[in-house]
C-alpha atoms as a PDB file:
ATOM      1  CA  MET A   1      24.904 -34.723  84.225  1.00  0.00           C
ATOM      2  CA  PRO A   2      26.392 -35.656  80.818  1.00  0.00           C
ATOM      3  CA  SER A   3      30.045 -34.909  80.336  1.00  0.00           C
ATOM      4  CA  LEU A   4      31.547 -32.621  77.696  1.00  0.00           C
ATOM      5  CA  ILE A   5      32.412 -35.643  75.553  1.00  0.00           C
ATOM      6  CA  ASP A   6      28.766 -36.784  75.622  1.00  0.00           C
ATOM      7  CA  PHE A   7      27.593 -33.330  74.527  1.00  0.00           C
ATOM      8  CA  ARG A   8      30.125 -33.220  71.677  1.00  0.00           C
ATOM      9  CA  ARG A   9      29.073 -36.671  70.474  1.00  0.00           C
ATOM     10  CA  ARG A  10      25.408 -35.689  70.541  1.00  0.00           C
ATOM     11  CA  ILE A  11      26.061 -32.444  68.665  1.00  0.00           C
ATOM     12  CA  ARG A  12      28.112 -34.271  66.027  1.00  0.00           C
ATOM     13  CA  SER A  13      25.341 -36.844  65.609  1.00  0.00           C
ATOM     14  CA  VAL A  14      22.652 -34.175  65.165  1.00  0.00           C
ATOM     15  CA  LYS A  15      24.821 -32.306  62.661  1.00  0.00           C
ATOM     16  CA  ASN A  16      25.233 -35.475  60.608  1.00  0.00           C
ATOM     17  CA  THR A  17      21.466 -35.975  60.655  1.00  0.00           C
ATOM     18  CA  GLN A  18      20.960 -32.362  59.604  1.00  0.00           C
ATOM     19  CA  GLN A  19      23.221 -32.859  56.598  1.00  0.00           C
ATOM     20  CA  ILE A  20      21.127 -35.862  55.547  1.00  0.00           C
ATOM     21  CA  THR A  21      17.808 -34.003  55.899  1.00  0.00           C
ATOM     22  CA  LYS A  22      19.159 -31.052  53.919  1.00  0.00           C
ATOM     23  CA  ALA A  23      20.313 -33.373  51.141  1.00  0.00           C
ATOM     24  CA  MET A  24      16.936 -35.127  51.079  1.00  0.00           C
ATOM     25  CA  LYS A  25      15.205 -31.759  50.877  1.00  0.00           C
ATOM     26  CA  MET A  26      17.270 -30.780  47.842  1.00  0.00           C
ATOM     27  CA  VAL A  27      16.575 -34.113  46.134  1.00  0.00           C
ATOM     28  CA  SER A  28      12.837 -33.775  46.750  1.00  0.00           C
ATOM     29  CA  ALA A  29      12.893 -30.196  45.450  1.00  0.00           C
ATOM     30  CA  ALA A  30      14.478 -31.343  42.187  1.00  0.00           C
ATOM     31  CA  LYS A  31      12.022 -34.228  41.811  1.00  0.00           C
ATOM     32  CA  LEU A  32       9.099 -31.962  42.684  1.00  0.00           C
ATOM     33  CA  ARG A  33       9.900 -29.611  39.831  1.00  0.00           C
ATOM     34  CA  ARG A  34       9.756 -32.434  37.295  1.00  0.00           C
ATOM     35  CA  ALA A  35       6.662 -33.989  38.871  1.00  0.00           C
ATOM     36  CA  GLN A  36       4.873 -30.634  38.934  1.00  0.00           C
ATOM     37  CA  GLU A  37       5.555 -30.127  35.231  1.00  0.00           C
ATOM     38  CA  ARG A  38       4.053 -33.530  34.418  1.00  0.00           C
ATOM     39  CA  VAL A  39       0.954 -32.842  36.531  1.00  0.00           C
ATOM     40  CA  ILE A  40       0.316 -29.458  34.935  1.00  0.00           C
ATOM     41  CA  ALA A  41       0.696 -31.008  31.488  1.00  0.00           C
ATOM     42  CA  ALA A  42      -1.728 -33.857  32.254  1.00  0.00           C
ATOM     43  CA  ARG A  43      -4.559 -31.869  33.874  1.00  0.00           C
ATOM     44  CA  PRO A  44      -6.032 -30.151  30.757  1.00  0.00           C
ATOM     45  CA  TYR A  45      -6.276 -33.406  28.801  1.00  0.00           C
ATOM     46  CA  ALA A  46      -7.947 -35.260  31.695  1.00  0.00           C
ATOM     47  CA  LYS A  47     -10.402 -32.414  32.311  1.00  0.00           C
ATOM     48  CA  THR A  48     -11.348 -32.042  28.647  1.00  0.00           C
ATOM     49  CA  MET A  49     -11.801 -35.785  28.241  1.00  0.00           C
ATOM     50  CA  ARG A  50     -14.118 -35.896  31.258  1.00  0.00           C
ATOM     51  CA  GLU A  51     -16.206 -33.031  29.850  1.00  0.00           C
ATOM     52  CA  LEU A  52     -16.367 -34.714  26.445  1.00  0.00           C
ATOM     53  CA  LEU A  53     -17.525 -37.994  27.970  1.00  0.00           C
ATOM     54  CA  ALA A  54     -20.152 -36.174  30.009  1.00  0.00           C
ATOM     55  CA  ASN A  55     -21.678 -34.831  26.795  1.00  0.00           C
ATOM     56  CA  LEU A  56     -21.230 -38.157  25.031  1.00  0.00           C
ATOM     57  CA  SER A  57     -22.924 -40.042  27.878  1.00  0.00           C
ATOM     58  CA  ALA A  58     -25.874 -37.658  27.748  1.00  0.00           C
ATOM     59  CA  ALA A  59     -26.175 -38.160  23.998  1.00  0.00           C
ATOM     60  CA  ALA A  60     -25.917 -41.932  24.331  1.00  0.00           C
ATOM     61  CA  ALA A  61     -28.488 -42.034  27.133  1.00  0.00           C
ATOM     62  CA  SER A  62     -31.012 -40.133  24.984  1.00  0.00           C
ATOM     63  CA  SER A  63     -30.523 -42.574  22.106  1.00  0.00           C
ATOM     64  CA  GLU A  64     -33.255 -45.147  21.578  1.00  0.00           C
ATOM     65  CA  SER A  65     -30.701 -47.926  21.090  1.00  0.00           C
ATOM     66  CA  ALA A  66     -28.718 -47.093  24.210  1.00  0.00           C
ATOM     67  CA  GLU A  67     -27.649 -50.506  25.510  1.00  0.00           C
ATOM     68  CA  SER A  68     -24.240 -50.337  27.113  1.00  0.00           C
ATOM     69  CA  PRO A  69     -22.766 -51.483  30.437  1.00  0.00           C
ATOM     70  CA  TRP A  70     -21.243 -48.001  30.780  1.00  0.00           C
ATOM     71  CA  LEU A  71     -24.734 -46.459  30.951  1.00  0.00           C
ATOM     72  CA  ALA A  72     -26.269 -48.982  33.336  1.00  0.00           C
ATOM     73  CA  LYS A  73     -27.412 -47.629  36.700  1.00  0.00           C
ATOM     74  CA  ARG A  74     -26.642 -50.161  39.403  1.00  0.00           C
ATOM     75  CA  GLU A  75     -26.915 -50.028  43.165  1.00  0.00           C
ATOM     76  CA  PRO A  76     -23.354 -49.828  44.556  1.00  0.00           C
ATOM     77  CA  LYS A  77     -23.226 -53.128  46.422  1.00  0.00           C
ATOM     78  CA  ARG A  78     -19.692 -53.937  45.188  1.00  0.00           C
ATOM     79  CA  ILE A  79     -17.118 -51.160  44.907  1.00  0.00           C
ATOM     80  CA  ASP A  80     -13.572 -51.141  43.573  1.00  0.00           C
ATOM     81  CA  LEU A  81     -11.268 -48.641  45.298  1.00  0.00           C
ATOM     82  CA  ILE A  82      -7.867 -47.722  43.858  1.00  0.00           C
ATOM     83  CA  LEU A  83      -5.799 -46.377  46.767  1.00  0.00           C
ATOM     84  CA  ILE A  84      -2.530 -44.646  45.887  1.00  0.00           C
ATOM     85  CA  THR A  85       0.053 -44.158  48.637  1.00  0.00           C
ATOM     86  CA  SER A  86       3.838 -43.852  48.573  1.00  0.00           C
ATOM     87  CA  ASP A  87       6.437 -46.590  48.831  1.00  0.00           C
ATOM     88  CA  THR A  88       8.546 -44.764  51.433  1.00  0.00           C
ATOM     89  CA  GLY A  89       7.930 -42.514  54.401  1.00  0.00           C
ATOM     90  CA  LEU A  90       9.651 -39.423  55.821  1.00  0.00           C
ATOM     91  CA  ALA A  91       6.864 -37.232  54.420  1.00  0.00           C
ATOM     92  CA  GLY A  92       5.008 -36.109  57.503  1.00  0.00           C
ATOM     93  CA  ALA A  93       1.321 -37.071  57.599  1.00  0.00           C
ATOM     94  CA  PHE A  94       1.139 -37.781  53.859  1.00  0.00           C
ATOM     95  CA  ASN A  95       0.404 -41.516  54.095  1.00  0.00           C
ATOM     96  CA  SER A  96      -1.467 -41.444  57.391  1.00  0.00           C
ATOM     97  CA  ASN A  97      -4.002 -38.982  55.957  1.00  0.00           C
ATOM     98  CA  LEU A  98      -4.557 -41.258  52.962  1.00  0.00           C
ATOM     99  CA  LEU A  99      -5.039 -44.312  55.168  1.00  0.00           C
ATOM    100  CA  LYS A 100      -7.462 -42.425  57.419  1.00  0.00           C
ATOM    101  CA  ALA A 101      -9.417 -41.393  54.323  1.00  0.00           C
ATOM    102  CA  ALA A 102      -9.528 -45.036  53.190  1.00  0.00           C
ATOM    103  CA  VAL A 103     -10.869 -46.113  56.579  1.00  0.00           C
ATOM    104  CA  LYS A 104     -13.480 -43.343  56.348  1.00  0.00           C
ATOM    105  CA  PHE A 105     -14.397 -44.581  52.857  1.00  0.00           C
ATOM    106  CA  TYR A 106     -15.144 -47.974  54.400  1.00  0.00           C
ATOM    107  CA  ALA A 107     -17.306 -46.286  57.048  1.00  0.00           C
ATOM    108  CA  ASP A 108     -19.215 -44.281  54.424  1.00  0.00           C
ATOM    109  CA  HIS A 109     -19.967 -47.445  52.411  1.00  0.00           C
ATOM    110  CA  GLN A 110     -20.747 -49.918  55.161  1.00  0.00           C
ATOM    111  CA  GLY A 111     -23.393 -51.715  53.150  1.00  0.00           C
ATOM    112  CA  ALA A 112     -21.085 -52.374  50.198  1.00  0.00           C
ATOM    113  CA  GLU A 113     -18.375 -54.954  49.614  1.00  0.00           C
ATOM    114  CA  ILE A 114     -15.141 -53.095  48.844  1.00  0.00           C
ATOM    115  CA  PHE A 115     -12.311 -54.507  46.745  1.00  0.00           C
ATOM    116  CA  LEU A 116      -8.928 -52.793  46.907  1.00  0.00           C
ATOM    117  CA  THR A 117      -6.320 -52.105  44.254  1.00  0.00           C
ATOM    118  CA  LEU A 118      -3.330 -50.830  46.221  1.00  0.00           C
ATOM    119  CA  VAL A 119      -0.581 -48.718  44.678  1.00  0.00           C
ATOM    120  CA  GLY A 120       2.328 -48.067  47.035  1.00  0.00           C
ATOM    121  CA  ARG A 121       3.996 -50.057  49.780  1.00  0.00           C
ATOM    122  CA  LYS A 122       2.446 -48.107  52.675  1.00  0.00           C
ATOM    123  CA  GLY A 123      -1.144 -48.849  51.667  1.00  0.00           C
ATOM    124  CA  ARG A 124      -0.332 -52.482  50.929  1.00  0.00           C
ATOM    125  CA  ASP A 125       1.344 -53.033  54.304  1.00  0.00           C
ATOM    126  CA  PHE A 126      -1.543 -51.322  56.123  1.00  0.00           C
ATOM    127  CA  PHE A 127      -4.352 -53.401  54.607  1.00  0.00           C
ATOM    128  CA  ARG A 128      -2.436 -56.685  54.636  1.00  0.00           C
ATOM    129  CA  LYS A 129      -2.674 -56.582  58.426  1.00  0.00           C
ATOM    130  CA  ARG A 130      -6.445 -56.071  58.331  1.00  0.00           C
ATOM    131  CA  PRO A 131      -9.368 -58.067  56.978  1.00  0.00           C
ATOM    132  CA  SER A 132      -9.828 -56.684  53.466  1.00  0.00           C
ATOM    133  CA  ASN A 133     -10.381 -57.793  49.879  1.00  0.00           C
ATOM    134  CA  ILE A 134      -7.199 -56.991  47.952  1.00  0.00           C
ATOM    135  CA  LEU A 135      -7.479 -57.470  44.207  1.00  0.00           C
ATOM    136  CA  ALA A 136      -3.922 -56.420  43.355  1.00  0.00           C
ATOM    137  CA  ASP A 137      -1.007 -54.392  44.687  1.00  0.00           C
ATOM    138  CA  TYR A 138       1.662 -52.435  42.849  1.00  0.00           C
ATOM    139  CA  ILE A 139       4.886 -51.188  44.427  1.00  0.00           C
ATOM    140  CA  ASN A 140       7.986 -49.368  43.176  1.00  0.00           C
ATOM    141  CA  ILE A 141       6.210 -47.661  40.268  1.00  0.00           C
ATOM    142  CA  LEU A 142       5.826 -44.192  41.762  1.00  0.00           C
ATOM    143  CA  ASN A 143       9.410 -43.102  41.213  1.00  0.00           C
ATOM    144  CA  ARG A 144       8.525 -42.182  37.634  1.00  0.00           C
ATOM    145  CA  PRO A 145       5.103 -43.594  36.670  1.00  0.00           C
ATOM    146  CA  THR A 146       4.272 -44.119  33.007  1.00  0.00           C
ATOM    147  CA  PHE A 147       1.005 -44.406  31.145  1.00  0.00           C
ATOM    148  CA  ALA A 148       1.723 -48.120  30.723  1.00  0.00           C
ATOM    149  CA  ASP A 149       1.713 -48.443  34.530  1.00  0.00           C
ATOM    150  CA  ALA A 150      -1.670 -46.713  34.699  1.00  0.00           C
ATOM    151  CA  THR A 151      -3.022 -48.988  31.969  1.00  0.00           C
ATOM    152  CA  GLY A 152      -1.933 -52.065  33.898  1.00  0.00           C
ATOM    153  CA  ILE A 153      -3.577 -50.801  37.091  1.00  0.00           C
ATOM    154  CA  ALA A 154      -6.854 -49.828  35.386  1.00  0.00           C
ATOM    155  CA  LYS A 155      -7.175 -52.916  33.189  1.00  0.00           C
ATOM    156  CA  GLU A 156      -8.709 -55.226  35.805  1.00  0.00           C
ATOM    157  CA  VAL A 157     -11.164 -52.699  37.290  1.00  0.00           C
ATOM    158  CA  ILE A 158     -12.360 -51.801  33.779  1.00  0.00           C
ATOM    159  CA  ARG A 159     -12.998 -55.469  33.006  1.00  0.00           C
ATOM    160  CA  ARG A 160     -14.791 -56.026  36.305  1.00  0.00           C
ATOM    161  CA  TYR A 161     -17.106 -53.076  35.728  1.00  0.00           C
ATOM    162  CA  ARG A 162     -17.822 -54.039  32.116  1.00  0.00           C
ATOM    163  CA  ASP A 163     -18.666 -57.608  33.149  1.00  0.00           C
ATOM    164  CA  GLY A 164     -20.884 -56.469  36.004  1.00  0.00           C
ATOM    165  CA  GLU A 165     -18.613 -57.833  38.758  1.00  0.00           C
ATOM    166  CA  THR A 166     -18.486 -54.404  40.413  1.00  0.00           C
ATOM    167  CA  ASP A 167     -20.927 -51.498  40.527  1.00  0.00           C
ATOM    168  CA  ALA A 168     -18.605 -48.514  40.970  1.00  0.00           C
ATOM    169  CA  VAL A 169     -14.929 -47.605  40.752  1.00  0.00           C
ATOM    170  CA  TYR A 170     -13.275 -44.924  42.889  1.00  0.00           C
ATOM    171  CA  VAL A 171      -9.749 -43.508  43.021  1.00  0.00           C
ATOM    172  CA  LEU A 172      -8.377 -42.152  46.313  1.00  0.00           C
ATOM    173  CA  ASN A 173      -5.175 -40.111  46.230  1.00  0.00           C
ATOM    174  CA  ASN A 174      -3.558 -36.850  47.290  1.00  0.00           C
ATOM    175  CA  GLU A 175      -4.015 -33.981  44.847  1.00  0.00           C
ATOM    176  CA  PHE A 176      -1.199 -31.481  44.459  1.00  0.00           C
ATOM    177  CA  LYS A 177      -2.137 -27.857  45.128  1.00  0.00           C
ATOM    178  CA  SER A 178       1.114 -26.224  46.180  1.00  0.00           C
ATOM    179  CA  VAL A 179       4.307 -27.036  48.039  1.00  0.00           C
ATOM    180  CA  MET A 180       2.562 -26.424  51.358  1.00  0.00           C
ATOM    181  CA  SER A 181      -0.859 -27.793  50.433  1.00  0.00           C
ATOM    182  CA  GLN A 182      -2.033 -31.208  49.270  1.00  0.00           C
ATOM    183  CA  THR A 183      -5.688 -32.191  49.429  1.00  0.00           C
ATOM    184  CA  LEU A 184      -7.321 -35.605  49.564  1.00  0.00           C
ATOM    185  CA  ALA A 185      -9.297 -36.435  46.423  1.00  0.00           C
ATOM    186  CA  VAL A 186     -11.899 -39.188  46.064  1.00  0.00           C
ATOM    187  CA  LEU A 187     -12.953 -39.453  42.411  1.00  0.00           C
ATOM    188  CA  GLN A 188     -15.689 -41.734  41.143  1.00  0.00           C
ATOM    189  CA  VAL A 189     -14.538 -42.763  37.686  1.00  0.00           C
ATOM    190  CA  LEU A 190     -17.205 -45.389  36.988  1.00  0.00           C
ATOM    191  CA  PRO A 191     -20.037 -44.820  36.443  1.00  0.00           C
ATOM    192  CA  LEU A 192     -19.132 -41.391  35.138  1.00  0.00           C
ATOM    193  CA  GLN A 193     -20.362 -38.663  37.479  1.00  0.00           C
ATOM    194  CA  VAL A 194     -20.807 -35.100  36.308  1.00  0.00           C
ATOM    195  CA  GLU A 195     -20.337 -32.217  38.703  1.00  0.00           C
ATOM    196  CA  GLY A 196     -23.506 -30.283  39.329  1.00  0.00           C
ATOM    197  CA  GLY A 197     -25.983 -33.071  38.584  1.00  0.00           C
ATOM    198  CA  ALA A 198     -27.103 -33.181  34.976  1.00  0.00           C
ATOM    199  CA  ALA A 199     -24.641 -33.609  32.161  1.00  0.00           C
ATOM    200  CA  PRO A 200     -23.565 -30.260  30.717  1.00  0.00           C
ATOM    201  CA  MET A 201     -24.178 -29.631  27.032  1.00  0.00           C
ATOM    202  CA  SER A 202     -22.018 -26.542  26.665  1.00  0.00           C
ATOM    203  CA  GLN A 203     -20.513 -27.946  23.445  1.00  0.00           C
ATOM    204  CA  ASP A 204     -22.685 -29.050  20.556  1.00  0.00           C
ATOM    205  CA  TYR A 205     -20.727 -32.044  19.274  1.00  0.00           C
ATOM    206  CA  ILE A 206     -21.524 -33.782  16.002  1.00  0.00           C
ATOM    207  CA  TYR A 207     -20.784 -37.486  16.340  1.00  0.00           C
ATOM    208  CA  GLU A 208     -19.858 -39.385  13.195  1.00  0.00           C
ATOM    209  CA  GLN A 209     -20.374 -42.716  14.978  1.00  0.00           C
ATOM    210  CA  GLU A 210     -23.086 -43.876  17.327  1.00  0.00           C
ATOM    211  CA  PRO A 211     -22.461 -42.419  20.830  1.00  0.00           C
ATOM    212  CA  VAL A 212     -22.782 -45.874  22.392  1.00  0.00           C
ATOM    213  CA  ALA A 213     -20.073 -47.259  20.118  1.00  0.00           C
ATOM    214  CA  MET A 214     -17.827 -44.332  20.963  1.00  0.00           C
ATOM    215  CA  LEU A 215     -18.337 -44.957  24.672  1.00  0.00           C
ATOM    216  CA  GLU A 216     -17.009 -48.491  24.224  1.00  0.00           C
ATOM    217  CA  GLN A 217     -13.733 -47.016  22.974  1.00  0.00           C
ATOM    218  CA  LEU A 218     -13.421 -43.899  25.118  1.00  0.00           C
ATOM    219  CA  ILE A 219     -14.544 -44.996  28.592  1.00  0.00           C
ATOM    220  CA  PRO A 220     -11.626 -47.439  29.108  1.00  0.00           C
ATOM    221  CA  ARG A 221      -9.180 -44.794  27.911  1.00  0.00           C
ATOM    222  CA  TYR A 222     -10.790 -42.245  30.247  1.00  0.00           C
ATOM    223  CA  VAL A 223     -10.290 -44.556  33.255  1.00  0.00           C
ATOM    224  CA  GLU A 224      -6.654 -45.095  32.294  1.00  0.00           C
ATOM    225  CA  VAL A 225      -6.122 -41.329  31.978  1.00  0.00           C
ATOM    226  CA  ALA A 226      -7.806 -40.749  35.359  1.00  0.00           C
ATOM    227  CA  VAL A 227      -5.533 -43.315  37.022  1.00  0.00           C
ATOM    228  CA  PHE A 228      -2.457 -41.865  35.309  1.00  0.00           C
ATOM    229  CA  ARG A 229      -3.317 -38.374  36.487  1.00  0.00           C
ATOM    230  CA  ALA A 230      -3.863 -39.680  40.030  1.00  0.00           C
ATOM    231  CA  LEU A 231      -0.406 -41.267  39.941  1.00  0.00           C
ATOM    232  CA  LEU A 232       1.183 -37.991  38.822  1.00  0.00           C
ATOM    233  CA  GLU A 233      -0.741 -36.006  41.440  1.00  0.00           C
ATOM    234  CA  THR A 234       0.414 -38.414  44.147  1.00  0.00           C
ATOM    235  CA  VAL A 235       4.069 -38.215  43.105  1.00  0.00           C
ATOM    236  CA  ALA A 236       4.024 -34.401  43.122  1.00  0.00           C
ATOM    237  CA  SER A 237       2.174 -34.305  46.449  1.00  0.00           C
ATOM    238  CA  TYR A 238       4.588 -36.779  48.020  1.00  0.00           C
ATOM    239  CA  GLN A 239       7.684 -34.866  46.938  1.00  0.00           C
ATOM    240  CA  ALA A 240       6.165 -31.610  48.209  1.00  0.00           C
ATOM    241  CA  ALA A 241       5.264 -33.196  51.553  1.00  0.00           C
ATOM    242  CA  ARG A 242       8.712 -34.759  51.857  1.00  0.00           C
ATOM    243  CA  MET A 243      10.474 -31.511  51.031  1.00  0.00           C
ATOM    244  CA  THR A 244       8.425 -29.710  53.678  1.00  0.00           C
ATOM    245  CA  ALA A 245       9.079 -32.449  56.246  1.00  0.00           C
ATOM    246  CA  MET A 246      12.838 -32.426  55.593  1.00  0.00           C
ATOM    247  CA  ASP A 247      12.926 -28.619  55.836  1.00  0.00           C
ATOM    248  CA  THR A 248      11.176 -28.833  59.204  1.00  0.00           C
ATOM    249  CA  ALA A 249      13.554 -31.576  60.339  1.00  0.00           C
ATOM    250  CA  SER A 250      16.587 -29.473  59.362  1.00  0.00           C
ATOM    251  CA  SER A 251      15.187 -26.494  61.272  1.00  0.00           C
ATOM    252  CA  ASN A 252      14.523 -28.663  64.327  1.00  0.00           C
ATOM    253  CA  ALA A 253      18.058 -30.066  64.135  1.00  0.00           C
ATOM    254  CA  LYS A 254      19.420 -26.527  64.145  1.00  0.00           C
ATOM    255  CA  ASP A 255      17.418 -25.758  67.304  1.00  0.00           C
ATOM    256  CA  VAL A 256      18.668 -28.930  68.983  1.00  0.00           C
ATOM    257  CA  ILE A 257      22.287 -28.082  68.099  1.00  0.00           C
ATOM    258  CA  GLU A 258      21.923 -24.594  69.563  1.00  0.00           C
ATOM    259  CA  ALA A 259      20.347 -25.945  72.766  1.00  0.00           C
ATOM    260  CA  LEU A 260      23.027 -28.624  73.176  1.00  0.00           C
ATOM    261  CA  THR A 261      25.801 -26.108  72.525  1.00  0.00           C
ATOM    262  CA  LEU A 262      24.364 -23.820  75.188  1.00  0.00           C
ATOM    263  CA  HIS A 263      24.217 -26.668  77.725  1.00  0.00           C
ATOM    264  CA  MET A 264      27.736 -27.786  76.807  1.00  0.00           C
ATOM    265  CA  ASN A 265      29.097 -24.257  77.334  1.00  0.00           C
ATOM    266  CA  ARG A 266      27.387 -24.071  80.700  1.00  0.00           C
ATOM    267  CA  VAL A 267      28.881 -27.394  81.774  1.00  0.00           C
ATOM    268  CA  ARG A 268      32.330 -26.338  80.550  1.00  0.00           C
ATOM    269  CA  GLN A 269      32.057 -22.999  82.328  1.00  0.00           C
ATOM    270  CA  ALA A 270      31.009 -24.729  85.535  1.00  0.00           C
ATOM    271  CA  ALA A 271      33.987 -27.105  85.258  1.00  0.00           C
ATOM    272  CA  ILE A 272      36.383 -24.207  84.676  1.00  0.00           C
ATOM    273  CA  THR A 273      34.940 -22.287  87.636  1.00  0.00           C
ATOM    274  CA  LYS A 274      35.261 -25.360  89.845  1.00  0.00           C
ATOM    275  CA  GLU A 275      38.913 -25.828  88.880  1.00  0.00           C
ATOM    276  CA  ILE A 276      39.679 -22.154  89.551  1.00  0.00           C
ATOM    277  CA  ILE A 277      38.055 -22.403  92.976  1.00  0.00           C
ATOM    278  CA  GLU A 278      40.060 -25.522  93.758  1.00  0.00           C
ATOM    279  CA  VAL A 279      43.320 -23.798  92.710  1.00  0.00           C
ATOM    280  CA  VAL A 280      42.545 -20.684  94.735  1.00  0.00           C
ATOM    281  CA  SER A 281      41.495 -22.756  97.750  1.00  0.00           C
ATOM    282  CA  GLY A 282      44.665 -24.830  97.537  1.00  0.00           C
ATOM    283  CA  ALA A 283      46.844 -21.723  97.303  1.00  0.00           C
ATOM    284  CA  ALA A 284      45.087 -20.165 100.276  1.00  0.00           C
ATOM    285  CA  ALA A 285      45.531 -23.331 102.330  1.00  0.00           C
ATOM    286  CA  ALA A 286      49.229 -23.469 101.467  1.00  0.00           C
ATOM    287  CA  GLU A 287      49.751 -19.946 102.853  1.00  0.00           C
END
């Protein structure tokens, strides 16, 4: 059985760990607030731009002179996947769920050749150990991602789709819902897909330029905005998952400290009882 010194050392070690997890929880809570504000600010612009492009694509497709790589319908034999994970762990199942979703994406597109753009150290390390086509990897940009970072990530996949080197572009990331809930999101950004089938025409836009010419300018910007929003969603989701994981770790540390303290008191009480018995037995023998 461990001695009292062993119990005290273990309790002190767990308390030190608890202090670290509490500090990490507070840091994640502060970062989450800022990340959540950026996500909420970015969502309306990204949603409105997607709706606008849906109408613009429908108008361009109905035009007699519609000749644009953005409107071409190609069989998805080559797919670009932008996978966004975190650079660090200690966030529960945050990264493992993303990696499982990426493996499932491979299974759902077995007949296609998939090329990966990896954002985050965890995704890069995972696919480096496996046979995969990695176009590019980006690490250490998720602390505070900027639109310039998103532009750099999207630049190559936009060029590949425009030149016909790939047939579809997807973004896989975690979408922030609440502190306790983050959902996996797989968004097809190219070619533009409209929810519900046909393109909605809820707004009657008057285009001063040809719709095809406008697509040439707006589609690349739309992809950049979609990637930027995915980066912000991932940062907020990661901080929420990490805050939850650190809160759980602190609670578990408290339970371990209580259990160890109880065992230590029992061992100390048994030692005291043994010493009393020895003293009483010695006194009785002396009489």
